[in-house]
């Protein structure tokens, strides 16, 4: 079946982009009413994220007929969904209800079941250069040989990540991918540093989200905060040990009553002789047990009106602990944690961590005196990295789900023929292939932007789009397995429950859209 002409996809993408631009302009013109209409802002944010990926799809199409097919399927799906959203929202968006009518013929052709089915067996190449292909091959081989054999056991028994995996990731240089060479890392400056990080994250996530792909994120966040605002002495002390894996990191931001709304955080750091006393409770502190350094965002200005301007980042040192709980006493204070049982994303464990007069030396306040009450801004520098990594993690999870769905469909006989011979199965797999291919390329594009000091909004868009679609891809891969997909003995069930967390951590989808993407679109 011939590929739908790419010029039709380009024309449809242009119309769709114009529709979103009109919606943004109209929302701006509504003033406060537009800024307070959360349902509209959420829809526009996701529409903007999706349409921003169409340029990536068009660029990808230039690589060959398989890539062009995937690009047209992707754009057809996006424009078709946008048309449905527009039909329901055209008055609030200030866009004519028929604004996308000229795309109908293209959307019908690009989403035709027979056409989408032709992409089922053609997932598309990543099109990396020789050096980055070597990075991908190296991490793919390590993930398959060292992580995948343990992944199911870790998930089902809710076990700690074997130390051999952590040591192996450290030996590969994962923890130092964005740390400058002068501090013992492997970053030489430029886009390839970010690309290597994204590629490594994806390949590790294919083997396991909780025991592989997420190992890099926490050290990346702390390292970025140190690089952005740490003193020279702090960089020299912490960055080399983070890069080598000697310092294992966890991030403690969320509290029982405050998640994305960090302005209300209550955990306090009170000035005392030689340092600070921490008091309060953090939650969803992933890897806090095994970690020996907690990046804690705490309130150093007790004035409640200070909001996010009264927060600082302290590095809390602790022993590395195995298991699901820990307790330590020092200088009259206590530090304790317990792992929160979760339905997926197991291995690293997410903890509730409580501080009771826990002493932190003054030199562990990131930035020293200049970093006082600047913790929110330093944290955000690290979280930008975390968002593009999360998008890459989602790509890895989706890619593995696609592989498993294809393999199972190929071998499963239903009503006398292979499940893969059915049009519906092939169409599901074809759409999966298109979503995965363009999502991967978009993470690459955003990584290049971030390597040039840009891309914060695009990183948020990537996370919003890719993580949401990861739920669909893993669901459909499980559905292809039928009843077997619901059995824990099949890997796809783990991917399904793991995918659900992606739209929650590193910035909940709703907050990300309303507080970051929408604000930037309306700025």
Protein backbone atom coordinates (compact mmCIF):
# COMPACT_ATOMS: atom_id res chain seq x y z
CA UNK A 1 0.00 0.00 0.00
CA UNK A 2 1.47 3.34 -1.05
CA UNK A 3 2.47 5.92 1.55
CA UNK A 4 0.06 8.81 1.98
CA UNK A 5 1.81 11.79 0.31
CA UNK A 6 3.94 13.68 2.78
CA UNK A 7 2.89 17.03 1.32
CA UNK A 8 -0.67 16.27 2.45
CA UNK A 9 0.64 15.60 5.96
CA UNK A 10 2.60 18.85 5.87
CA UNK A 11 -0.47 20.84 4.80
CA UNK A 12 -2.60 19.23 7.52
CA UNK A 13 0.07 19.90 10.13
CA UNK A 14 0.17 23.57 9.12
CA UNK A 15 -3.60 23.92 9.50
CA UNK A 16 -3.52 22.15 12.87
CA UNK A 17 -0.71 24.37 14.08
CA UNK A 18 -2.68 27.45 13.05
CA UNK A 19 -5.73 26.21 14.97
CA UNK A 20 -3.70 25.82 18.18
CA UNK A 21 -2.10 29.25 17.65
CA UNK A 22 -5.58 30.81 17.27
CA UNK A 23 -6.75 29.07 20.44
CA UNK A 24 -3.75 30.42 22.35
CA UNK A 25 -4.30 33.95 21.03
CA UNK A 26 -8.01 33.85 21.89
CA UNK A 27 -7.26 32.59 25.40
CA UNK A 28 -4.83 35.48 25.87
CA UNK A 29 -7.47 37.93 24.72
CA UNK A 30 -9.93 36.61 27.34
CA UNK A 31 -7.62 37.89 30.08
CA UNK A 32 -8.32 36.59 33.56
CA UNK A 33 -11.26 34.49 32.34
CA UNK A 34 -9.00 32.65 29.93
CA UNK A 35 -6.22 32.21 32.45
CA UNK A 36 -8.67 30.73 34.96
CA UNK A 37 -10.37 28.31 32.55
CA UNK A 38 -8.41 25.23 33.57
CA UNK A 39 -10.25 22.76 31.35
CA UNK A 40 -9.50 24.86 28.28
CA UNK A 41 -5.88 25.47 29.31
CA UNK A 42 -5.32 21.76 29.88
CA UNK A 43 -6.75 20.86 26.46
CA UNK A 44 -4.71 23.56 24.70
CA UNK A 45 -1.53 22.49 26.48
CA UNK A 46 -1.89 18.91 25.30
CA UNK A 47 -2.85 20.08 21.81
CA UNK A 48 0.22 22.30 21.68
CA UNK A 49 2.43 19.45 22.85
CA UNK A 50 1.03 17.17 20.15
CA UNK A 51 1.27 19.69 17.32
CA UNK A 52 4.80 20.67 18.34
CA UNK A 53 5.80 17.08 17.58
CA UNK A 54 4.51 17.22 14.01
CA UNK A 55 7.56 19.13 12.80
CA UNK A 56 9.70 16.33 14.20
CA UNK A 57 7.50 13.85 12.35
CA UNK A 58 7.93 15.72 9.06
CA UNK A 59 11.71 15.82 9.51
CA UNK A 60 11.72 12.10 10.28
CA UNK A 61 9.79 11.39 7.09
CA UNK A 62 12.79 12.47 5.00
CA UNK A 63 14.73 9.34 6.01
CA UNK A 64 12.76 6.96 3.79
CA UNK A 65 9.39 5.34 2.99
CA UNK A 66 9.03 3.49 6.31
CA UNK A 67 9.70 6.68 8.24
CA UNK A 68 7.35 8.65 5.99
CA UNK A 69 4.60 6.12 6.64
CA UNK A 70 5.08 6.39 10.39
CA UNK A 71 5.10 10.19 10.16
CA UNK A 72 1.84 10.34 8.19
CA UNK A 73 0.14 7.90 10.58
CA UNK A 74 1.29 10.00 13.54
CA UNK A 75 0.15 13.29 12.05
CA UNK A 76 -3.13 11.76 10.91
CA UNK A 77 -3.85 10.55 14.44
CA UNK A 78 -2.95 13.89 16.00
CA UNK A 79 -4.97 15.99 13.56
CA UNK A 80 -7.93 13.64 13.83
CA UNK A 81 -7.95 13.87 17.63
CA UNK A 82 -7.50 17.64 17.45
CA UNK A 83 -10.58 17.84 15.22
CA UNK A 84 -12.65 16.07 17.85
CA UNK A 85 -11.33 18.38 20.56
CA UNK A 86 -12.05 21.43 18.39
CA UNK A 87 -15.62 20.32 17.73
CA UNK A 88 -16.25 20.27 21.47
CA UNK A 89 -14.29 23.44 22.32
CA UNK A 90 -14.43 25.74 19.30
CA UNK A 91 -16.35 28.50 21.08
CA UNK A 92 -13.99 28.58 24.07
CA UNK A 93 -11.03 28.37 21.71
CA UNK A 94 -12.34 31.15 19.49
CA UNK A 95 -11.77 28.99 16.39
CA UNK A 96 -14.27 28.22 13.63
CA UNK A 97 -15.78 24.77 14.05
CA UNK A 98 -14.89 23.90 10.45
CA UNK A 99 -11.26 25.11 10.70
CA UNK A 100 -9.92 21.59 10.18
CA UNK A 101 -12.35 20.53 7.47
CA UNK A 102 -9.70 20.73 4.75
CA UNK A 103 -7.73 17.99 6.54
CA UNK A 104 -10.52 15.42 6.41
CA UNK A 105 -9.34 13.57 3.32
CA UNK A 106 -5.79 13.32 4.66
CA UNK A 107 -6.91 12.16 8.11
CA UNK A 108 -9.20 9.53 6.57
CA UNK A 109 -6.34 8.17 4.45
CA UNK A 110 -3.67 8.33 7.19
CA UNK A 111 -5.86 6.62 9.80
CA UNK A 112 -7.34 4.01 7.45
CA UNK A 113 -7.08 0.60 9.12
CA UNK A 114 -5.35 -1.09 6.19
CA UNK A 115 -2.85 1.74 5.93
CA UNK A 116 -1.97 1.86 9.63
CA UNK A 117 -1.67 -1.93 9.63
CA UNK A 118 1.16 -1.73 7.07
CA UNK A 119 3.38 -0.14 9.73
CA UNK A 120 2.97 -2.98 12.23
CA UNK A 121 6.25 -4.63 11.31
CA UNK A 122 8.17 -1.40 10.54
CA UNK A 123 8.96 0.39 13.81
CA UNK A 124 11.51 2.67 12.18
CA UNK A 125 15.19 3.32 12.84
CA UNK A 126 16.44 5.79 15.45
CA UNK A 127 18.87 7.23 12.85
CA UNK A 128 21.70 7.95 15.25
CA UNK A 129 25.24 8.69 14.22
CA UNK A 130 28.01 6.16 14.77
CA UNK A 131 29.06 7.40 18.20
CA UNK A 132 25.55 7.66 19.63
CA UNK A 133 24.62 4.31 18.07
CA UNK A 134 27.47 2.83 20.06
CA UNK A 135 26.03 4.41 23.21
CA UNK A 136 22.64 2.85 22.45
CA UNK A 137 24.16 -0.57 21.71
CA UNK A 138 26.22 -0.52 24.90
CA UNK A 139 23.29 0.28 27.17
CA UNK A 140 20.94 -2.04 25.28
CA UNK A 141 23.33 -4.94 25.79
CA UNK A 142 23.87 -4.15 29.47
CA UNK A 143 20.13 -3.82 30.06
CA UNK A 144 19.39 -7.13 28.36
CA UNK A 145 22.17 -9.04 30.10
CA UNK A 146 22.27 -7.48 33.57
CA UNK A 147 18.85 -5.93 34.28
CA UNK A 148 16.21 -7.86 32.35
CA UNK A 149 16.95 -11.24 34.03
CA UNK A 150 16.19 -9.68 37.44
CA UNK A 151 13.36 -7.32 36.49
CA UNK A 152 10.37 -9.61 37.02
CA UNK A 153 11.64 -11.00 40.33
CA UNK A 154 12.33 -7.50 41.66
CA UNK A 155 8.84 -6.38 40.64
CA UNK A 156 6.87 -9.34 41.97
CA UNK A 157 8.73 -9.58 45.28
CA UNK A 158 9.19 -5.80 45.69
CA UNK A 159 12.92 -6.32 46.21
CA UNK A 160 15.86 -3.94 46.34
CA UNK A 161 17.82 -3.43 43.15
CA UNK A 162 20.80 -5.82 43.24
CA UNK A 163 24.00 -3.95 43.98
CA UNK A 164 25.53 -5.52 40.85
CA UNK A 165 23.12 -3.51 38.68
CA UNK A 166 23.98 -0.24 40.42
CA UNK A 167 27.71 -0.95 40.15
CA UNK A 168 27.31 -1.87 36.49
CA UNK A 169 25.43 1.33 35.70
CA UNK A 170 28.16 3.28 37.50
CA UNK A 171 30.90 1.52 35.53
CA UNK A 172 29.17 2.49 32.30
CA UNK A 173 29.37 6.13 33.39
CA UNK A 174 25.59 6.64 33.67
CA UNK A 175 25.78 8.78 36.77
CA UNK A 176 28.21 11.20 35.16
CA UNK A 177 26.63 11.67 31.73
CA UNK A 178 25.86 15.36 32.31
CA UNK A 179 28.61 16.10 34.85
CA UNK A 180 31.50 18.08 33.31
CA UNK A 181 34.77 16.25 32.73
CA UNK A 182 36.58 18.63 35.12
CA UNK A 183 34.47 17.17 37.95
CA UNK A 184 34.97 13.53 37.01
CA UNK A 185 32.02 13.23 34.65
CA UNK A 186 31.71 12.56 30.95
CA UNK A 187 30.06 15.74 29.69
CA UNK A 188 32.17 17.71 27.26
CA UNK A 189 29.51 20.32 26.54
CA UNK A 190 26.86 20.43 23.83
CA UNK A 191 23.87 18.48 22.63
CA UNK A 192 25.52 15.05 22.56
CA UNK A 193 25.74 15.04 26.37
CA UNK A 194 21.98 15.33 26.63
CA UNK A 195 21.42 12.90 23.77
CA UNK A 196 23.57 10.28 25.48
CA UNK A 197 21.57 10.73 28.67
CA UNK A 198 18.25 10.32 26.83
CA UNK A 199 19.47 7.29 24.88
CA UNK A 200 20.86 5.55 27.96
CA UNK A 201 17.65 6.23 29.88
CA UNK A 202 15.50 4.76 27.13
CA UNK A 203 17.55 1.58 26.78
CA UNK A 204 17.68 0.95 30.54
CA UNK A 205 13.93 1.57 30.82
CA UNK A 206 13.20 -1.09 28.23
CA UNK A 207 14.55 -3.66 30.67
CA UNK A 208 12.95 -2.12 33.78
CA UNK A 209 11.59 1.28 34.70
CA UNK A 210 12.12 0.82 38.43
CA UNK A 211 15.37 -1.15 38.40
CA UNK A 212 17.06 0.46 35.40
CA UNK A 213 15.74 3.56 33.69
CA UNK A 214 15.16 5.59 36.84
CA UNK A 215 18.61 5.12 38.35
CA UNK A 216 20.02 8.06 36.40
CA UNK A 217 17.33 10.64 37.17
CA UNK A 218 18.00 11.47 40.81
CA UNK A 219 21.77 12.01 40.44
CA UNK A 220 21.00 14.13 37.36
CA UNK A 221 18.68 16.38 39.38
CA UNK A 222 21.15 16.89 42.24
CA UNK A 223 24.08 17.32 39.87
CA UNK A 224 22.23 19.95 37.86
CA UNK A 225 21.33 21.89 41.02
CA UNK A 226 24.99 21.82 42.08
CA UNK A 227 26.23 22.85 38.63
CA UNK A 228 23.71 25.70 38.52
CA UNK A 229 24.11 27.13 42.01
CA UNK A 230 26.65 25.21 44.05
CA UNK A 231 29.86 26.72 45.34
CA UNK A 232 33.12 25.61 43.77
CA UNK A 233 33.96 23.66 46.93
CA UNK A 234 30.61 21.86 46.77
CA UNK A 235 31.08 20.97 43.11
CA UNK A 236 34.54 19.57 43.81
CA UNK A 237 33.28 17.57 46.78
CA UNK A 238 30.04 16.12 45.42
CA UNK A 239 30.14 15.92 41.63
CA UNK A 240 33.03 13.42 41.32
CA UNK A 241 31.45 11.04 43.84
CA UNK A 242 28.03 11.33 42.17
CA UNK A 243 29.63 10.57 38.82
CA UNK A 244 31.43 7.49 40.13
CA UNK A 245 28.35 6.13 41.91
CA UNK A 246 29.98 6.43 45.31
CA UNK A 247 27.28 8.95 46.24
CA UNK A 248 23.82 7.55 45.55
CA UNK A 249 21.12 10.19 45.45
CA UNK A 250 17.48 10.66 46.35
CA UNK A 251 15.33 13.77 46.01
CA UNK A 252 13.05 14.87 48.88
CA UNK A 253 10.63 17.56 47.71
CA UNK A 254 7.05 16.30 48.07
CA UNK A 255 5.31 16.39 51.45
CA UNK A 256 2.11 14.68 52.62
CA UNK A 257 0.07 17.86 52.02
CA UNK A 258 2.13 19.45 49.25
CA UNK A 259 3.24 17.96 45.95
CA UNK A 260 3.64 20.19 42.91
CA UNK A 261 2.56 23.16 45.07
CA UNK A 262 6.03 23.60 46.53
CA UNK A 263 5.32 27.13 47.74
CA UNK A 264 3.49 25.62 50.70
CA UNK A 265 6.20 23.20 51.82
CA UNK A 266 6.48 22.92 55.60
CA UNK A 267 9.63 20.88 56.34
CA UNK A 268 11.77 23.41 58.15
CA UNK A 269 15.50 24.01 58.33
CA UNK A 270 16.29 26.13 61.39
CA UNK A 271 19.61 27.93 61.71
CA UNK A 272 21.74 26.50 64.51
CA UNK A 273 25.38 26.54 65.54
CA UNK A 274 27.40 25.20 62.61
CA UNK A 275 24.45 24.30 60.40
CA UNK A 276 20.75 23.57 60.27
CA UNK A 277 18.19 21.44 62.11
CA UNK A 278 15.67 19.70 59.86
CA UNK A 279 12.15 18.93 61.10
CA UNK A 280 9.14 17.52 59.29
CA UNK A 281 8.16 14.79 56.86
CA UNK A 282 8.80 14.25 53.16
CA UNK A 283 7.03 11.64 51.08
CA UNK A 284 7.50 9.90 47.71
CA UNK A 285 11.25 10.10 48.19
CA UNK A 286 12.35 7.47 45.70
CA UNK A 287 15.54 5.52 46.50
CA UNK A 288 15.85 7.16 49.93
CA UNK A 289 16.85 3.86 51.53
CA UNK A 290 19.81 2.94 49.36
CA UNK A 291 20.81 6.58 48.85
CA UNK A 292 23.50 8.11 51.03
CA UNK A 293 22.69 11.69 50.01
CA UNK A 294 19.21 13.21 50.11
CA UNK A 295 18.56 16.42 48.19
CA UNK A 296 16.07 18.09 50.56
CA UNK A 297 14.05 21.18 49.64
CA UNK A 298 13.32 22.80 53.02
CA UNK A 299 11.91 26.05 54.36
CA UNK A 300 14.72 28.27 55.62
CA UNK A 301 12.55 31.39 55.81
CA UNK A 302 9.74 30.75 58.34
CA UNK A 303 7.63 33.64 57.02
CA UNK A 304 4.57 31.94 55.45
CA UNK A 305 4.28 34.77 52.92
CA UNK A 306 7.75 33.92 51.54
CA UNK A 307 6.28 31.01 49.57
CA UNK A 308 8.73 29.43 47.16
CA UNK A 309 11.19 32.27 47.83
CA UNK A 310 11.80 30.94 51.33
CA UNK A 311 13.12 27.51 50.31
CA UNK A 312 16.67 26.20 50.18
CA UNK A 313 18.31 22.92 49.20
CA UNK A 314 20.33 20.95 51.73
CA UNK A 315 22.28 17.77 51.06
CA UNK A 316 21.50 15.36 53.88
CA UNK A 317 24.06 12.62 54.35
CA UNK A 318 22.98 9.24 55.70
CA UNK A 319 24.13 5.62 55.66
CA UNK A 320 23.01 3.49 52.71
CA UNK A 321 20.21 1.16 53.82
CA UNK A 322 18.75 -2.02 52.37
CA UNK A 323 15.15 -3.07 52.76
CA UNK A 324 11.94 -1.16 53.26
CA UNK A 325 12.68 0.93 56.34
CA UNK A 326 15.50 2.65 58.18
CA UNK A 327 16.17 4.68 61.30
CA UNK A 328 19.26 6.63 62.32
CA UNK A 329 20.15 8.75 65.33
CA UNK A 330 22.83 11.43 65.46
CA UNK A 331 23.58 14.47 67.62
CA UNK A 332 20.26 14.14 69.42
CA UNK A 333 18.21 13.97 66.21
CA UNK A 334 16.56 11.16 64.28
CA UNK A 335 16.07 10.33 60.62
CA UNK A 336 13.74 7.52 59.67
CA UNK A 337 11.96 6.24 56.62
CA UNK A 338 9.51 3.61 55.48
CA UNK A 339 8.82 2.44 51.95
CA UNK A 340 5.34 3.13 50.58
CA UNK A 341 3.80 0.03 48.93
CA UNK A 342 3.06 0.77 45.26
CA UNK A 343 1.32 -1.18 42.49
CA UNK A 344 4.28 -0.73 40.14
CA UNK A 345 7.61 1.08 39.74
CA UNK A 346 9.26 -1.23 42.25
CA UNK A 347 12.91 -1.80 43.07
CA UNK A 348 14.01 1.68 44.05
CA UNK A 349 11.15 2.02 46.59
CA UNK A 350 9.50 5.35 47.38
CA UNK A 351 9.78 6.37 51.01
CA UNK A 352 8.15 8.58 53.56
CA UNK A 353 11.08 10.21 55.36
CA UNK A 354 10.81 11.98 58.72
CA UNK A 355 13.33 14.40 60.23
CA UNK A 356 13.39 15.21 63.94
CA UNK A 357 16.09 17.76 64.79
CA UNK A 358 18.36 16.16 62.19
CA UNK A 359 21.56 18.19 61.95
CA UNK A 360 22.92 19.24 58.56
CA UNK A 361 26.30 20.99 58.36
CA UNK A 362 26.31 24.54 57.02
CA UNK A 363 28.54 23.53 54.11
CA UNK A 364 25.74 21.27 52.82
CA UNK A 365 23.46 24.19 51.97
CA UNK A 366 23.75 24.34 48.19
CA UNK A 367 25.19 27.67 47.17
CA UNK A 368 26.11 28.67 50.71
CA UNK A 369 24.92 32.13 51.67
CA UNK A 370 24.12 32.94 48.04
CA UNK A 371 21.98 29.82 47.79
CA UNK A 372 19.89 30.69 50.83
CA UNK A 373 16.19 30.85 49.87
CA UNK A 374 17.02 30.06 46.21
CA UNK A 375 16.29 26.37 46.46
CA UNK A 376 13.15 26.48 44.32
CA UNK A 377 15.06 27.86 41.34
CA UNK A 378 17.93 25.39 41.76
CA UNK A 379 15.46 22.53 42.00
CA UNK A 380 13.71 23.62 38.81
CA UNK A 381 17.02 23.51 36.94
CA UNK A 382 17.34 19.87 37.86
CA UNK A 383 13.70 19.01 37.20
CA UNK A 384 13.96 20.14 33.57
CA UNK A 385 16.42 17.30 33.08
CA UNK A 386 14.11 14.98 34.96
CA UNK A 387 11.22 15.73 32.59
CA UNK A 388 13.03 14.89 29.38
CA UNK A 389 14.42 11.79 31.07
CA UNK A 390 10.90 10.78 32.02
CA UNK A 391 9.80 11.14 28.41
CA UNK A 392 12.73 8.92 27.42
CA UNK A 393 11.74 6.41 30.10
CA UNK A 394 8.25 6.35 28.62
CA UNK A 395 9.69 5.66 25.16
CA UNK A 396 11.65 2.72 26.54
CA UNK A 397 8.61 1.26 28.29
CA UNK A 398 6.47 1.70 25.16
CA UNK A 399 9.09 0.15 22.91
CA UNK A 400 9.32 -2.96 25.04
CA UNK A 401 5.52 -3.22 25.19
CA UNK A 402 5.37 -3.01 21.39
CA UNK A 403 7.97 -5.76 21.06
CA UNK A 404 6.10 -8.04 23.44
CA UNK A 405 2.77 -7.34 21.75
CA UNK A 406 4.18 -8.14 18.33
CA UNK A 407 5.90 -11.32 19.49
CA UNK A 408 2.80 -12.61 21.25
CA UNK A 409 0.50 -11.79 18.32
CA UNK A 410 2.84 -13.55 15.93
CA UNK A 411 2.78 -16.79 17.91
CA UNK A 412 -0.81 -16.80 19.15
CA UNK A 413 -3.45 -18.68 17.13
CA UNK A 414 -7.03 -17.39 17.35
CA UNK A 415 -9.89 -18.92 15.36
CA UNK A 416 -7.43 -20.88 13.28
CA UNK A 417 -5.02 -18.11 12.32
CA UNK A 418 -2.25 -16.05 13.81
CA UNK A 419 -3.42 -13.07 15.86
CA UNK A 420 -0.99 -10.99 13.83
CA UNK A 421 -2.95 -11.78 10.66
CA UNK A 422 -5.94 -9.78 11.88
CA UNK A 423 -6.26 -6.22 10.63
CA UNK A 424 -7.18 -4.82 14.05
CA UNK A 425 -4.09 -6.30 15.69
CA UNK A 426 -1.83 -4.97 12.97
CA UNK A 427 -3.47 -1.54 13.10
CA UNK A 428 -2.89 -1.35 16.86
CA UNK A 429 0.75 -2.30 16.40
CA UNK A 430 1.14 0.13 13.51
CA UNK A 431 -0.12 3.04 15.58
CA UNK A 432 2.16 1.96 18.44
CA UNK A 433 5.11 2.00 16.06
CA UNK A 434 4.26 5.51 14.85
CA UNK A 435 3.77 6.92 18.36
CA UNK A 436 7.03 5.38 19.58
CA UNK A 437 9.12 6.47 16.59
CA UNK A 438 8.03 10.12 16.69
CA UNK A 439 8.16 10.26 20.50
CA UNK A 440 11.74 9.01 20.38
CA UNK A 441 12.75 11.54 17.76
CA UNK A 442 11.11 14.35 19.71
CA UNK A 443 13.05 13.48 22.86
CA UNK A 444 16.19 13.69 20.71
CA UNK A 445 15.15 17.10 19.38
CA UNK A 446 14.44 18.41 22.88
CA UNK A 447 17.76 17.02 24.14
CA UNK A 448 19.53 19.01 21.43
CA UNK A 449 17.69 22.16 22.50
CA UNK A 450 18.63 21.58 26.12
CA UNK A 451 22.23 21.09 25.11
CA UNK A 452 22.08 24.65 23.81
CA UNK A 453 20.52 26.02 26.99
CA UNK A 454 16.94 25.99 25.69
CA UNK A 455 14.04 23.54 25.61
CA UNK A 456 12.48 23.86 29.10
CA UNK A 457 8.95 24.22 27.70
CA UNK A 458 9.55 21.50 25.12
CA UNK A 459 10.79 19.12 27.83
CA UNK A 460 7.50 19.64 29.66
CA UNK A 461 5.56 19.08 26.43
CA UNK A 462 7.48 15.89 25.72
CA UNK A 463 6.68 14.54 29.15
CA UNK A 464 2.99 15.50 28.88
CA UNK A 465 2.48 13.83 25.50
CA UNK A 466 4.71 10.79 25.67
CA UNK A 467 3.78 9.71 29.19
CA UNK A 468 0.08 9.88 28.43
CA UNK A 469 0.48 7.77 25.30
CA UNK A 470 2.63 5.27 27.17
CA UNK A 471 -0.51 4.28 29.05
CA UNK A 472 -2.33 3.57 25.79
CA UNK A 473 0.55 1.64 24.23
CA UNK A 474 1.08 -0.59 27.27
CA UNK A 475 -2.67 -1.12 27.64
CA UNK A 476 -3.05 -2.24 24.04
CA UNK A 477 0.02 -4.47 24.26
CA UNK A 478 -1.56 -6.10 27.32
CA UNK A 479 -4.90 -6.35 25.49
CA UNK A 480 -3.22 -8.20 22.63
CA UNK A 481 -2.11 -10.77 25.20
CA UNK A 482 -5.72 -11.25 26.30
CA UNK A 483 -6.11 -12.98 29.65
CA UNK A 484 -2.41 -13.80 29.72
CA UNK A 485 -1.63 -10.10 29.79
CA UNK A 486 -3.45 -9.81 33.09
CA UNK A 487 -1.28 -12.52 34.61
CA UNK A 488 1.75 -11.33 36.54
CA UNK A 489 3.87 -14.06 34.97
CA UNK A 490 3.83 -12.07 31.73
CA UNK A 491 6.17 -9.12 31.50
CA UNK A 492 3.62 -6.89 29.79
CA UNK A 493 1.59 -6.66 33.02
CA UNK A 494 4.58 -5.00 34.72
CA UNK A 495 4.96 -2.51 31.88
CA UNK A 496 1.27 -1.61 32.17
CA UNK A 497 1.40 -0.75 35.88
CA UNK A 498 4.78 0.95 35.53
CA UNK A 499 3.51 3.20 32.75
CA UNK A 500 0.79 4.57 35.01
CA UNK A 501 3.28 6.42 37.21
CA UNK A 502 4.88 8.32 34.33
CA UNK A 503 2.22 11.05 34.20
CA UNK A 504 2.43 11.51 37.97
CA UNK A 505 6.07 11.85 38.98
CA UNK A 506 8.53 14.55 37.89
CA UNK A 507 5.54 16.90 37.72
CA UNK A 508 1.94 15.69 37.68
CA UNK A 509 0.39 16.06 34.23
CA UNK A 510 -2.27 18.55 35.32
CA UNK A 511 0.18 20.80 37.14
CA UNK A 512 2.68 20.55 34.32
CA UNK A 513 0.08 21.65 31.78
CA UNK A 514 -1.54 24.41 33.85
CA UNK A 515 1.45 25.85 35.66
CA UNK A 516 4.23 25.44 33.13
CA UNK A 517 3.09 24.72 29.55
CA UNK A 518 0.02 26.97 29.57
CA UNK A 519 1.84 29.82 31.28
CA UNK A 520 4.60 29.73 28.70
CA UNK A 521 2.12 29.55 25.84
CA UNK A 522 0.27 32.58 27.19
CA UNK A 523 3.38 34.57 28.13
